[in-house]
C-alpha atoms as a PDB file:
ATOM      1  CA  MET A   1      83.213 145.672 139.672  1.00  0.00           C
ATOM      2  CA  PRO A   2      80.122 146.914 141.540  1.00  0.00           C
ATOM      3  CA  ARG A   3      77.018 144.847 142.094  1.00  0.00           C
ATOM      4  CA  VAL A   4      74.017 147.141 141.616  1.00  0.00           C
ATOM      5  CA  VAL A   5      70.256 147.230 141.127  1.00  0.00           C
ATOM      6  CA  GLY A   6      67.971 149.623 139.274  1.00  0.00           C
ATOM      7  CA  ILE A   7      64.246 150.009 140.009  1.00  0.00           C
ATOM      8  CA  ASP A   8      61.541 151.352 137.707  1.00  0.00           C
ATOM      9  CA  PRO A   9      58.363 152.285 139.657  1.00  0.00           C
ATOM     10  CA  GLY A  10      55.832 152.042 136.852  1.00  0.00           C
ATOM     11  CA  THR A  11      52.086 152.564 137.026  1.00  0.00           C
ATOM     12  CA  HIS A  12      51.455 148.921 136.129  1.00  0.00           C
ATOM     13  CA  SER A  13      54.577 147.198 137.473  1.00  0.00           C
ATOM     14  CA  PHE A  14      57.763 147.718 139.462  1.00  0.00           C
ATOM     15  CA  ASP A  15      60.640 146.302 137.416  1.00  0.00           C
ATOM     16  CA  VAL A  16      63.947 145.397 139.051  1.00  0.00           C
ATOM     17  CA  CYS A  17      67.224 144.871 137.195  1.00  0.00           C
ATOM     18  CA  GLY A  18      70.487 143.774 138.839  1.00  0.00           C
ATOM     19  CA  LEU A  19      73.895 144.075 137.156  1.00  0.00           C
ATOM     20  CA  ALA A  20      77.273 142.653 138.132  1.00  0.00           C
ATOM     21  CA  ASP A  21      80.235 143.266 135.847  1.00  0.00           C
ATOM     22  CA  GLY A  22      77.703 144.681 133.395  1.00  0.00           C
ATOM     23  CA  GLU A  23      75.798 141.378 133.202  1.00  0.00           C
ATOM     24  CA  ALA A  24      72.254 140.911 134.477  1.00  0.00           C
ATOM     25  CA  PHE A  25      71.877 138.677 137.535  1.00  0.00           C
ATOM     26  CA  LEU A  26      68.376 139.814 138.510  1.00  0.00           C
ATOM     27  CA  GLU A  27      65.301 140.591 136.398  1.00  0.00           C
ATOM     28  CA  ARG A  28      61.961 140.769 138.203  1.00  0.00           C
ATOM     29  CA  SER A  29      58.631 142.442 137.581  1.00  0.00           C
ATOM     30  CA  LEU A  30      56.173 142.929 140.453  1.00  0.00           C
ATOM     31  CA  PRO A  31      52.652 144.388 140.238  1.00  0.00           C
ATOM     32  CA  SER A  32      52.678 148.009 141.387  1.00  0.00           C
ATOM     33  CA  SER A  33      49.565 147.406 143.463  1.00  0.00           C
ATOM     34  CA  LEU A  34      51.422 144.695 145.393  1.00  0.00           C
ATOM     35  CA  VAL A  35      54.502 146.846 146.040  1.00  0.00           C
ATOM     36  CA  THR A  36      52.592 149.921 147.181  1.00  0.00           C
ATOM     37  CA  ALA A  37      50.368 147.851 149.481  1.00  0.00           C
ATOM     38  CA  HIS A  38      53.171 145.610 150.738  1.00  0.00           C
ATOM     39  CA  PRO A  39      56.543 147.358 150.263  1.00  0.00           C
ATOM     40  CA  GLU A  40      58.287 144.546 152.123  1.00  0.00           C
ATOM     41  CA  THR A  41      57.757 142.417 148.992  1.00  0.00           C
ATOM     42  CA  LEU A  42      60.230 144.528 147.029  1.00  0.00           C
ATOM     43  CA  VAL A  43      62.574 144.853 150.005  1.00  0.00           C
ATOM     44  CA  GLU A  44      62.775 141.067 150.237  1.00  0.00           C
ATOM     45  CA  VAL A  45      63.713 140.824 146.555  1.00  0.00           C
ATOM     46  CA  LEU A  46      66.547 143.291 147.144  1.00  0.00           C
ATOM     47  CA  LEU A  47      67.777 141.557 150.284  1.00  0.00           C
ATOM     48  CA  ASP A  48      67.718 138.184 148.526  1.00  0.00           C
ATOM     49  CA  ALA A  49      69.901 139.639 145.780  1.00  0.00           C
ATOM     50  CA  GLY A  50      72.837 139.537 148.179  1.00  0.00           C
ATOM     51  CA  PRO A  51      75.323 142.271 149.042  1.00  0.00           C
ATOM     52  CA  LEU A  52      74.782 145.304 146.818  1.00  0.00           C
ATOM     53  CA  ASN A  53      77.004 148.320 146.301  1.00  0.00           C
ATOM     54  CA  LEU A  54      74.217 150.644 145.181  1.00  0.00           C
ATOM     55  CA  ILE A  55      70.496 150.657 144.350  1.00  0.00           C
ATOM     56  CA  ALA A  56      68.927 153.289 142.085  1.00  0.00           C
ATOM     57  CA  GLY A  57      65.655 153.650 143.935  1.00  0.00           C
ATOM     58  CA  PRO A  58      62.129 154.653 142.835  1.00  0.00           C
ATOM     59  CA  SER A  59      62.668 158.402 142.506  1.00  0.00           C
ATOM     60  CA  GLY A  60      59.358 159.862 141.308  1.00  0.00           C
ATOM     61  CA  TYR A  61      59.843 163.437 140.096  1.00  0.00           C
ATOM     62  CA  GLY A  62      63.492 163.180 141.080  1.00  0.00           C
ATOM     63  CA  LEU A  63      66.132 164.310 143.531  1.00  0.00           C
ATOM     64  CA  PRO A  64      69.699 165.358 142.678  1.00  0.00           C
ATOM     65  CA  CYS A  65      71.513 162.015 143.249  1.00  0.00           C
ATOM     66  CA  LEU A  66      70.655 161.925 146.936  1.00  0.00           C
ATOM     67  CA  PRO A  67      71.393 158.934 149.222  1.00  0.00           C
ATOM     68  CA  ILE A  68      68.483 157.593 151.222  1.00  0.00           C
ATOM     69  CA  ASP A  69      69.990 158.664 154.559  1.00  0.00           C
ATOM     70  CA  SER A  70      69.659 162.286 153.388  1.00  0.00           C
ATOM     71  CA  VAL A  71      65.980 161.964 152.504  1.00  0.00           C
ATOM     72  CA  GLY A  72      63.614 163.463 155.061  1.00  0.00           C
ATOM     73  CA  ASP A  73      60.044 164.762 154.878  1.00  0.00           C
ATOM     74  CA  ARG A  74      60.989 167.691 152.633  1.00  0.00           C
ATOM     75  CA  GLU A  75      62.801 165.465 150.139  1.00  0.00           C
ATOM     76  CA  LEU A  76      59.898 163.002 150.099  1.00  0.00           C
ATOM     77  CA  ARG A  77      57.498 165.831 149.246  1.00  0.00           C
ATOM     78  CA  LEU A  78      59.755 166.988 146.431  1.00  0.00           C
ATOM     79  CA  MET A  79      60.143 163.471 145.111  1.00  0.00           C
ATOM     80  CA  LEU A  80      56.460 162.487 145.231  1.00  0.00           C
ATOM     81  CA  LEU A  81      54.601 165.850 145.157  1.00  0.00           C
ATOM     82  CA  PRO A  82      51.578 164.380 146.981  1.00  0.00           C
ATOM     83  CA  SER A  83      48.107 165.915 146.771  1.00  0.00           C
ATOM     84  CA  GLY A  84      47.529 166.527 150.456  1.00  0.00           C
ATOM     85  CA  SER A  85      45.721 163.660 152.151  1.00  0.00           C
ATOM     86  CA  GLN A  86      43.953 162.532 148.989  1.00  0.00           C
ATOM     87  CA  GLU A  87      44.498 158.986 147.759  1.00  0.00           C
ATOM     88  CA  SER A  88      46.404 158.829 144.475  1.00  0.00           C
ATOM     89  CA  PRO A  89      48.149 156.318 142.205  1.00  0.00           C
ATOM     90  CA  LEU A  90      51.394 157.318 143.962  1.00  0.00           C
ATOM     91  CA  LYS A  91      50.194 156.250 147.408  1.00  0.00           C
ATOM     92  CA  GLY A  92      52.461 153.847 149.218  1.00  0.00           C
ATOM     93  CA  LEU A  93      55.745 155.126 147.806  1.00  0.00           C
ATOM     94  CA  SER A  94      56.582 156.966 151.014  1.00  0.00           C
ATOM     95  CA  ARG A  95      56.058 153.719 152.944  1.00  0.00           C
ATOM     96  CA  LEU A  96      58.347 151.980 150.468  1.00  0.00           C
ATOM     97  CA  VAL A  97      61.083 154.571 151.081  1.00  0.00           C
ATOM     98  CA  THR A  98      60.683 154.024 154.814  1.00  0.00           C
ATOM     99  CA  SER A  99      60.999 150.260 154.339  1.00  0.00           C
ATOM    100  CA  LEU A 100      64.113 150.657 152.202  1.00  0.00           C
ATOM    101  CA  ARG A 101      65.691 152.873 154.858  1.00  0.00           C
ATOM    102  CA  GLU A 102      64.817 150.489 157.688  1.00  0.00           C
ATOM    103  CA  ALA A 103      66.415 147.630 155.751  1.00  0.00           C
ATOM    104  CA  ARG A 104      69.622 149.720 155.560  1.00  0.00           C
ATOM    105  CA  LEU A 105      69.847 149.212 151.821  1.00  0.00           C
ATOM    106  CA  PRO A 106      72.310 151.418 149.873  1.00  0.00           C
ATOM    107  CA  VAL A 107      69.705 153.388 147.933  1.00  0.00           C
ATOM    108  CA  VAL A 108      70.304 156.543 145.916  1.00  0.00           C
ATOM    109  CA  PHE A 109      67.533 158.616 144.357  1.00  0.00           C
ATOM    110  CA  LEU A 110      68.048 159.957 140.838  1.00  0.00           C
ATOM    111  CA  PRO A 111      67.230 163.285 139.190  1.00  0.00           C
ATOM    112  CA  GLY A 112      64.457 164.110 136.785  1.00  0.00           C
ATOM    113  CA  ALA A 113      65.185 165.989 133.588  1.00  0.00           C
ATOM    114  CA  ILE A 114      64.297 169.294 135.263  1.00  0.00           C
ATOM    115  CA  HIS A 115      67.270 168.896 137.656  1.00  0.00           C
ATOM    116  CA  LEU A 116      69.820 168.514 134.865  1.00  0.00           C
ATOM    117  CA  PRO A 117      72.177 171.356 133.842  1.00  0.00           C
ATOM    118  CA  THR A 118      72.074 170.067 130.267  1.00  0.00           C
ATOM    119  CA  VAL A 119      68.486 171.321 129.846  1.00  0.00           C
ATOM    120  CA  PRO A 120      68.548 175.134 129.468  1.00  0.00           C
ATOM    121  CA  ALA A 121      66.556 177.013 132.098  1.00  0.00           C
ATOM    122  CA  ARG A 122      64.311 178.543 129.432  1.00  0.00           C
ATOM    123  CA  ARG A 123      62.959 175.058 128.677  1.00  0.00           C
ATOM    124  CA  LYS A 124      62.027 174.547 132.329  1.00  0.00           C
ATOM    125  CA  LEU A 125      59.921 177.684 132.814  1.00  0.00           C
ATOM    126  CA  ASN A 126      56.585 176.977 134.508  1.00  0.00           C
ATOM    127  CA  ARG A 127      57.212 173.254 134.277  1.00  0.00           C
ATOM    128  CA  VAL A 128      57.537 170.540 136.923  1.00  0.00           C
ATOM    129  CA  ASP A 129      57.525 167.416 134.752  1.00  0.00           C
ATOM    130  CA  ILE A 130      59.706 167.506 131.656  1.00  0.00           C
ATOM    131  CA  GLY A 131      60.671 163.895 132.229  1.00  0.00           C
ATOM    132  CA  THR A 132      60.559 162.141 135.592  1.00  0.00           C
ATOM    133  CA  ALA A 133      63.510 160.194 136.997  1.00  0.00           C
ATOM    134  CA  ASP A 134      62.419 156.951 135.349  1.00  0.00           C
ATOM    135  CA  LYS A 135      62.418 158.727 131.965  1.00  0.00           C
ATOM    136  CA  VAL A 136      65.993 159.858 132.631  1.00  0.00           C
ATOM    137  CA  CYS A 137      66.804 156.185 133.269  1.00  0.00           C
ATOM    138  CA  SER A 138      65.162 155.181 129.988  1.00  0.00           C
ATOM    139  CA  ALA A 139      67.279 157.806 128.247  1.00  0.00           C
ATOM    140  CA  ALA A 140      70.416 156.326 129.836  1.00  0.00           C
ATOM    141  CA  TYR A 141      69.517 152.911 128.459  1.00  0.00           C
ATOM    142  CA  ALA A 142      68.774 154.444 125.044  1.00  0.00           C
ATOM    143  CA  ILE A 143      72.136 156.261 124.993  1.00  0.00           C
ATOM    144  CA  ASP A 144      73.948 153.012 125.691  1.00  0.00           C
ATOM    145  CA  ASP A 145      71.820 151.135 123.152  1.00  0.00           C
ATOM    146  CA  GLU A 146      72.508 153.597 120.334  1.00  0.00           C
ATOM    147  CA  SER A 147      76.185 153.695 121.273  1.00  0.00           C
ATOM    148  CA  ARG A 148      76.438 149.918 120.957  1.00  0.00           C
ATOM    149  CA  ARG A 149      74.374 149.551 117.796  1.00  0.00           C
ATOM    150  CA  LEU A 150      75.934 152.402 115.860  1.00  0.00           C
ATOM    151  CA  LYS A 151      79.402 152.079 117.411  1.00  0.00           C
ATOM    152  CA  VAL A 152      79.635 155.706 118.539  1.00  0.00           C
ATOM    153  CA  PRO A 153      80.783 157.008 121.937  1.00  0.00           C
ATOM    154  CA  TRP A 154      78.136 157.766 124.542  1.00  0.00           C
ATOM    155  CA  GLY A 155      78.955 161.458 124.161  1.00  0.00           C
ATOM    156  CA  GLU A 156      78.108 161.410 120.451  1.00  0.00           C
ATOM    157  CA  THR A 157      74.651 159.872 120.611  1.00  0.00           C
ATOM    158  CA  ALA A 158      71.726 161.910 119.274  1.00  0.00           C
ATOM    159  CA  PHE A 159      68.076 160.862 119.160  1.00  0.00           C
ATOM    160  CA  VAL A 160      64.527 161.574 120.234  1.00  0.00           C
ATOM    161  CA  LEU A 161      63.198 159.050 122.743  1.00  0.00           C
ATOM    162  CA  VAL A 162      59.469 158.340 122.835  1.00  0.00           C
ATOM    163  CA  GLU A 163      58.364 156.336 125.863  1.00  0.00           C
ATOM    164  CA  LEU A 164      54.833 155.016 125.943  1.00  0.00           C
ATOM    165  CA  GLY A 165      54.121 153.616 129.371  1.00  0.00           C
ATOM    166  CA  TYR A 166      50.919 152.141 130.697  1.00  0.00           C
ATOM    167  CA  ALA A 167      49.723 155.569 131.892  1.00  0.00           C
ATOM    168  CA  PHE A 168      51.909 158.329 130.439  1.00  0.00           C
ATOM    169  CA  THR A 169      53.724 159.202 127.230  1.00  0.00           C
ATOM    170  CA  ALA A 170      56.958 161.217 127.426  1.00  0.00           C
ATOM    171  CA  VAL A 171      59.326 162.551 124.760  1.00  0.00           C
ATOM    172  CA  LEU A 172      62.982 163.409 125.441  1.00  0.00           C
ATOM    173  CA  SER A 173      65.661 164.832 123.164  1.00  0.00           C
ATOM    174  CA  VAL A 174      69.273 163.694 123.529  1.00  0.00           C
ATOM    175  CA  ALA A 175      72.181 165.462 121.828  1.00  0.00           C
ATOM    176  CA  ALA A 176      75.872 164.789 122.428  1.00  0.00           C
ATOM    177  CA  GLY A 177      74.936 162.084 124.931  1.00  0.00           C
ATOM    178  CA  ARG A 178      72.895 164.309 127.240  1.00  0.00           C
ATOM    179  CA  ILE A 179      69.242 165.218 127.710  1.00  0.00           C
ATOM    180  CA  VAL A 180      68.627 168.700 126.301  1.00  0.00           C
ATOM    181  CA  SER A 181      64.825 168.932 126.221  1.00  0.00           C
ATOM    182  CA  GLY A 182      61.761 167.015 127.258  1.00  0.00           C
ATOM    183  CA  GLN A 183      57.999 166.798 127.443  1.00  0.00           C
ATOM    184  CA  GLY A 184      57.055 164.797 130.503  1.00  0.00           C
ATOM    185  CA  GLY A 185      54.081 162.524 130.869  1.00  0.00           C
ATOM    186  CA  SER A 186      51.925 165.176 132.549  1.00  0.00           C
ATOM    187  CA  SER A 187      53.120 167.997 130.268  1.00  0.00           C
ATOM    188  CA  GLY A 188      53.439 166.168 126.963  1.00  0.00           C
ATOM    189  CA  PRO A 189      51.264 164.183 124.548  1.00  0.00           C
ATOM    190  CA  MET A 190      48.344 161.916 125.385  1.00  0.00           C
ATOM    191  CA  GLY A 191      49.135 158.602 127.017  1.00  0.00           C
ATOM    192  CA  TYR A 192      47.223 155.353 127.282  1.00  0.00           C
ATOM    193  CA  LEU A 193      45.611 156.405 130.593  1.00  0.00           C
ATOM    194  CA  ALA A 194      46.732 160.022 130.990  1.00  0.00           C
ATOM    195  CA  ALA A 195      45.556 163.072 129.057  1.00  0.00           C
ATOM    196  CA  GLY A 196      49.028 164.597 129.013  1.00  0.00           C
ATOM    197  CA  ALA A 197      49.284 168.382 129.018  1.00  0.00           C
ATOM    198  CA  LEU A 198      46.088 169.944 130.410  1.00  0.00           C
ATOM    199  CA  ASP A 199      44.256 172.835 128.827  1.00  0.00           C
ATOM    200  CA  GLY A 200      44.327 175.540 131.497  1.00  0.00           C
ATOM    201  CA  GLU A 201      40.672 176.384 130.947  1.00  0.00           C
ATOM    202  CA  ALA A 202      39.754 172.722 131.328  1.00  0.00           C
ATOM    203  CA  ALA A 203      41.694 172.668 134.602  1.00  0.00           C
ATOM    204  CA  CYS A 204      39.743 175.673 135.858  1.00  0.00           C
ATOM    205  CA  LEU A 205      36.432 174.093 134.872  1.00  0.00           C
ATOM    206  CA  LEU A 206      37.303 170.875 136.666  1.00  0.00           C
ATOM    207  CA  GLY A 207      38.002 172.924 139.774  1.00  0.00           C
ATOM    208  CA  ARG A 208      39.829 170.064 141.427  1.00  0.00           C
ATOM    209  CA  VAL A 209      42.936 168.873 139.631  1.00  0.00           C
ATOM    210  CA  ALA A 210      44.713 166.210 141.660  1.00  0.00           C
ATOM    211  CA  LYS A 211      46.731 163.082 141.008  1.00  0.00           C
ATOM    212  CA  ASP A 212      43.754 161.029 139.907  1.00  0.00           C
ATOM    213  CA  THR A 213      42.986 163.707 137.292  1.00  0.00           C
ATOM    214  CA  LEU A 214      46.505 163.426 135.896  1.00  0.00           C
ATOM    215  CA  PHE A 215      46.056 159.675 135.485  1.00  0.00           C
ATOM    216  CA  SER A 216      42.877 160.098 133.419  1.00  0.00           C
ATOM    217  CA  GLY A 217      41.757 161.422 130.044  1.00  0.00           C
ATOM    218  CA  GLY A 218      44.028 159.268 127.882  1.00  0.00           C
ATOM    219  CA  ALA A 219      43.209 156.979 124.975  1.00  0.00           C
ATOM    220  CA  ALA A 220      41.582 154.329 127.164  1.00  0.00           C
ATOM    221  CA  PHE A 221      39.298 156.945 128.766  1.00  0.00           C
ATOM    222  CA  VAL A 222      38.415 158.428 125.373  1.00  0.00           C
ATOM    223  CA  ALA A 223      37.445 154.939 124.213  1.00  0.00           C
ATOM    224  CA  GLY A 224      35.244 154.544 127.291  1.00  0.00           C
ATOM    225  CA  ALA A 225      37.315 151.670 128.656  1.00  0.00           C
ATOM    226  CA  PRO A 226      39.767 152.950 131.296  1.00  0.00           C
ATOM    227  CA  GLU A 227      40.099 149.449 132.778  1.00  0.00           C
ATOM    228  CA  ALA A 228      40.843 147.763 129.447  1.00  0.00           C
ATOM    229  CA  ALA A 229      44.312 146.431 128.674  1.00  0.00           C
ATOM    230  CA  PRO A 230      46.045 148.064 125.678  1.00  0.00           C
ATOM    231  CA  ALA A 231      45.615 144.901 123.593  1.00  0.00           C
ATOM    232  CA  GLU A 232      41.852 145.134 124.100  1.00  0.00           C
ATOM    233  CA  LEU A 233      41.780 148.671 122.732  1.00  0.00           C
ATOM    234  CA  LEU A 234      43.785 147.531 119.709  1.00  0.00           C
ATOM    235  CA  ALA A 235      41.280 144.767 119.031  1.00  0.00           C
ATOM    236  CA  ARG A 236      38.387 147.223 118.663  1.00  0.00           C
ATOM    237  CA  ASP A 237      37.495 148.748 115.300  1.00  0.00           C
ATOM    238  CA  ASP A 238      34.615 151.034 116.320  1.00  0.00           C
ATOM    239  CA  ASP A 239      34.858 154.741 115.553  1.00  0.00           C
ATOM    240  CA  VAL A 240      35.563 155.817 119.142  1.00  0.00           C
ATOM    241  CA  ALA A 241      38.427 153.338 119.569  1.00  0.00           C
ATOM    242  CA  LEU A 242      39.901 154.302 116.212  1.00  0.00           C
ATOM    243  CA  MET A 243      39.738 157.987 117.162  1.00  0.00           C
ATOM    244  CA  ALA A 244      41.406 157.327 120.519  1.00  0.00           C
ATOM    245  CA  ARG A 245      44.296 155.445 118.937  1.00  0.00           C
ATOM    246  CA  ALA A 246      44.683 158.054 116.197  1.00  0.00           C
ATOM    247  CA  ALA A 247      44.787 160.836 118.795  1.00  0.00           C
ATOM    248  CA  LEU A 248      47.523 159.062 120.739  1.00  0.00           C
ATOM    249  CA  VAL A 249      49.676 158.506 117.633  1.00  0.00           C
ATOM    250  CA  GLU A 250      49.122 162.001 116.252  1.00  0.00           C
ATOM    251  CA  GLY A 251      49.917 163.546 119.623  1.00  0.00           C
ATOM    252  CA  VAL A 252      53.251 161.741 119.711  1.00  0.00           C
ATOM    253  CA  ALA A 253      54.062 162.907 116.176  1.00  0.00           C
ATOM    254  CA  ARG A 254      53.304 166.515 117.096  1.00  0.00           C
ATOM    255  CA  ALA A 255      55.461 166.242 120.216  1.00  0.00           C
ATOM    256  CA  VAL A 256      58.385 164.824 118.257  1.00  0.00           C
ATOM    257  CA  ALA A 257      58.042 167.585 115.658  1.00  0.00           C
ATOM    258  CA  ALA A 258      58.209 170.145 118.466  1.00  0.00           C
ATOM    259  CA  GLU A 259      61.391 168.566 119.845  1.00  0.00           C
ATOM    260  CA  LEU A 260      63.034 168.896 116.440  1.00  0.00           C
ATOM    261  CA  ALA A 261      62.779 172.675 116.806  1.00  0.00           C
ATOM    262  CA  VAL A 262      65.371 172.564 119.619  1.00  0.00           C
ATOM    263  CA  ALA A 263      67.257 169.346 118.810  1.00  0.00           C
ATOM    264  CA  PRO A 264      67.169 169.336 115.015  1.00  0.00           C
ATOM    265  CA  ALA A 265      69.613 166.577 114.101  1.00  0.00           C
ATOM    266  CA  PRO A 266      68.647 163.256 115.700  1.00  0.00           C
ATOM    267  CA  ARG A 267      70.112 160.137 114.149  1.00  0.00           C
ATOM    268  CA  GLU A 268      66.930 158.245 114.933  1.00  0.00           C
ATOM    269  CA  ILE A 269      63.734 158.127 116.924  1.00  0.00           C
ATOM    270  CA  LEU A 270      63.763 155.454 119.605  1.00  0.00           C
ATOM    271  CA  LEU A 271      60.598 153.829 120.967  1.00  0.00           C
ATOM    272  CA  SER A 272      60.357 152.338 124.445  1.00  0.00           C
ATOM    273  CA  GLY A 273      57.729 151.422 126.999  1.00  0.00           C
ATOM    274  CA  ARG A 274      54.950 148.925 127.509  1.00  0.00           C
ATOM    275  CA  LEU A 275      52.775 149.993 124.566  1.00  0.00           C
ATOM    276  CA  VAL A 276      55.460 149.560 121.894  1.00  0.00           C
ATOM    277  CA  ARG A 277      55.616 145.855 122.712  1.00  0.00           C
ATOM    278  CA  LEU A 278      52.310 145.629 120.821  1.00  0.00           C
ATOM    279  CA  ASP A 279      52.546 145.587 117.030  1.00  0.00           C
ATOM    280  CA  GLY A 280      49.436 147.710 116.552  1.00  0.00           C
ATOM    281  CA  PHE A 281      50.779 150.681 118.498  1.00  0.00           C
ATOM    282  CA  ARG A 282      54.395 150.251 117.400  1.00  0.00           C
ATOM    283  CA  ASP A 283      53.636 150.007 113.681  1.00  0.00           C
ATOM    284  CA  ALA A 284      51.319 153.014 113.722  1.00  0.00           C
ATOM    285  CA  LEU A 285      53.925 155.089 115.552  1.00  0.00           C
ATOM    286  CA  ALA A 286      56.728 154.010 113.209  1.00  0.00           C
ATOM    287  CA  ALA A 287      54.629 155.011 110.193  1.00  0.00           C
ATOM    288  CA  ALA A 288      53.860 158.426 111.685  1.00  0.00           C
ATOM    289  CA  LEU A 289      57.405 159.168 112.867  1.00  0.00           C
ATOM    290  CA  SER A 290      59.514 157.803 110.018  1.00  0.00           C
ATOM    291  CA  ARG A 291      59.128 161.107 108.133  1.00  0.00           C
ATOM    292  CA  PHE A 292      61.397 162.699 110.761  1.00  0.00           C
ATOM    293  CA  ALA A 293      64.174 160.114 111.151  1.00  0.00           C
ATOM    294  CA  PRO A 294      64.673 156.332 111.141  1.00  0.00           C
ATOM    295  CA  VAL A 295      62.584 154.674 113.850  1.00  0.00           C
ATOM    296  CA  GLN A 296      64.042 151.975 116.099  1.00  0.00           C
ATOM    297  CA  ARG A 297      62.408 150.045 118.925  1.00  0.00           C
ATOM    298  CA  LEU A 298      64.467 149.483 122.060  1.00  0.00           C
ATOM    299  CA  HIS A 299      64.692 145.931 123.420  1.00  0.00           C
ATOM    300  CA  SER A 300      65.501 145.509 127.105  1.00  0.00           C
ATOM    301  CA  GLY A 301      64.693 141.862 127.717  1.00  0.00           C
ATOM    302  CA  ALA A 302      62.551 140.729 130.627  1.00  0.00           C
ATOM    303  CA  VAL A 303      62.411 144.138 132.335  1.00  0.00           C
ATOM    304  CA  LYS A 304      61.494 147.598 131.131  1.00  0.00           C
ATOM    305  CA  GLU A 305      64.054 149.981 129.675  1.00  0.00           C
ATOM    306  CA  ALA A 306      63.867 152.297 132.684  1.00  0.00           C
ATOM    307  CA  ALA A 307      64.862 149.515 135.099  1.00  0.00           C
ATOM    308  CA  ARG A 308      67.862 148.532 133.002  1.00  0.00           C
ATOM    309  CA  GLY A 309      68.825 152.183 132.572  1.00  0.00           C
ATOM    310  CA  ALA A 310      68.560 152.732 136.322  1.00  0.00           C
ATOM    311  CA  ALA A 311      70.959 149.820 136.835  1.00  0.00           C
ATOM    312  CA  LEU A 312      73.411 151.333 134.329  1.00  0.00           C
ATOM    313  CA  ILE A 313      73.308 154.629 136.217  1.00  0.00           C
ATOM    314  CA  ALA A 314      73.785 152.861 139.553  1.00  0.00           C
ATOM    315  CA  ASP A 315      76.815 151.070 138.118  1.00  0.00           C
ATOM    316  CA  GLY A 316      78.260 154.369 136.905  1.00  0.00           C
ATOM    317  CA  LEU A 317      77.647 156.161 140.199  1.00  0.00           C
ATOM    318  CA  ALA A 318      79.346 153.264 141.997  1.00  0.00           C
ATOM    319  CA  GLY A 319      82.459 153.653 139.827  1.00  0.00           C
ATOM    320  CA  GLY A 320      81.761 150.768 137.453  1.00  0.00           C
ATOM    321  CA  SER A 321      82.181 150.470 133.716  1.00  0.00           C
ATOM    322  CA  TYR A 322      79.277 152.881 133.083  1.00  0.00           C
ATOM    323  CA  ARG A 323      80.814 155.818 134.936  1.00  0.00           C
ATOM    324  CA  GLY A 324      81.520 157.403 131.532  1.00  0.00           C
ATOM    325  CA  LEU A 325      77.804 157.251 130.730  1.00  0.00           C
ATOM    326  CA  VAL A 326      76.996 159.077 133.978  1.00  0.00           C
ATOM    327  CA  GLU A 327      79.647 161.657 133.133  1.00  0.00           C
ATOM    328  CA  ALA A 328      78.325 162.137 129.597  1.00  0.00           C
ATOM    329  CA  MET A 329      74.824 162.766 130.963  1.00  0.00           C
ATOM    330  CA  ARG A 330      76.255 165.039 133.718  1.00  0.00           C
ATOM    331  CA  LEU A 331      74.005 163.393 136.294  1.00  0.00           C
ATOM    332  CA  ARG A 332      76.252 164.236 139.245  1.00  0.00           C
ATOM    333  CA  GLU A 333      75.741 167.929 138.430  1.00  0.00           C
ATOM    334  CA  ALA A 334      71.968 167.734 138.971  1.00  0.00           C
ATOM    335  CA  ARG A 335      70.734 170.542 141.213  1.00  0.00           C
ATOM    336  CA  GLY A 336      67.619 172.188 142.605  1.00  0.00           C
ATOM    337  CA  THR A 337      64.038 170.990 142.925  1.00  0.00           C
ATOM    338  CA  ALA A 338      61.156 170.215 140.611  1.00  0.00           C
ATOM    339  CA  VAL A 339      59.355 173.434 141.593  1.00  0.00           C
ATOM    340  CA  ASP A 340      62.191 175.939 141.131  1.00  0.00           C
ATOM    341  CA  HIS A 341      61.008 177.242 137.761  1.00  0.00           C
ATOM    342  CA  LEU A 342      57.392 178.157 138.558  1.00  0.00           C
ATOM    343  CA  TYR A 343      56.414 181.804 138.027  1.00  0.00           C
ATOM    344  CA  MET A 344      52.610 181.615 137.992  1.00  0.00           C
ATOM    345  CA  ALA A 345      50.236 183.066 140.568  1.00  0.00           C
ATOM    346  CA  GLY A 346      50.461 180.832 143.605  1.00  0.00           C
ATOM    347  CA  ALA A 347      53.963 179.623 142.761  1.00  0.00           C
ATOM    348  CA  ASN A 348      55.474 181.078 145.933  1.00  0.00           C
ATOM    349  CA  GLU A 349      52.997 179.157 148.059  1.00  0.00           C
ATOM    350  CA  ALA A 350      53.829 175.954 146.171  1.00  0.00           C
ATOM    351  CA  LYS A 351      57.537 176.490 146.710  1.00  0.00           C
ATOM    352  CA  GLU A 352      56.980 177.207 150.410  1.00  0.00           C
ATOM    353  CA  TRP A 353      54.962 174.015 150.774  1.00  0.00           C
ATOM    354  CA  ALA A 354      57.677 172.024 149.017  1.00  0.00           C
ATOM    355  CA  ALA A 355      60.364 173.457 151.272  1.00  0.00           C
ATOM    356  CA  ASN A 356      58.555 173.473 154.599  1.00  0.00           C
ATOM    357  CA  GLY A 357      55.317 171.536 154.262  1.00  0.00           C
ATOM    358  CA  HIS A 358      53.052 174.512 154.870  1.00  0.00           C
END
């Protein structure tokens, strides 16, 4: 059986999960600031884990199951979509990829939802983020979780997944064991730090929409406390804090309702991510979403759901016991780039930049 590792590159932490024979042998969480500033920290964790058959690496917006030796400048741009020379919360990931390559680690980068053939092209139009690669990994974990709990095959699972991370909130629909629709963190509902989908007129008024803009405008910013931990926002009972929390919950409910228009028969709504570990957020979400379907929180132990899901995918790609999960999700059939479906003014220039860097 393969010995594999999955990595979740979160805004707040990088979580690492190692599986051998389907059992966890490694569960680590490292501050994202540490990893981006000192990528060798994560590389050392991976090297200390011993011989590995495959590592599902930090894939950003996603690549179609591409090994690290095939990743050059073009692929890095497509995976990270940097904002020119400007500093952003994604800085340092390119250095991490370089460090992983230099260590000759067996890394593969995973697709985002937009690369998957199971999402119809009409749901990708003028979208880049309908669920980044880590959200696909969370969906893989959720598929396996529902399969185990309800004793149904992977290919018969059906749910809406709501992931509330430290920055972004994403919503994905799964039917027949595959992702069929999604609203990514930067195109979906409000998150704790991020505003979610931007009003086009607001974007024009801002004049400069870059990565730091995408990581702002969420509930913490509305409450006037962008540096506050989620528990601190929950502890406040002033009108502004109450409005911010209500907006986050209502936005999720509206996003789930929209998903039901294209995936109308979920067995349940599954909650994952850092925020649902807190009773105040989880209970409010469950109350708002229970009108649609039974609500269930995912439990992934010491690491986040995306890290464990990434490890499941790595196991499947390496021919392990989860290869049927990879087949059900049709991950090997991922194709294209995150910018293929843009038709707006300026789209050709964006596609040229993604392909050639100019």
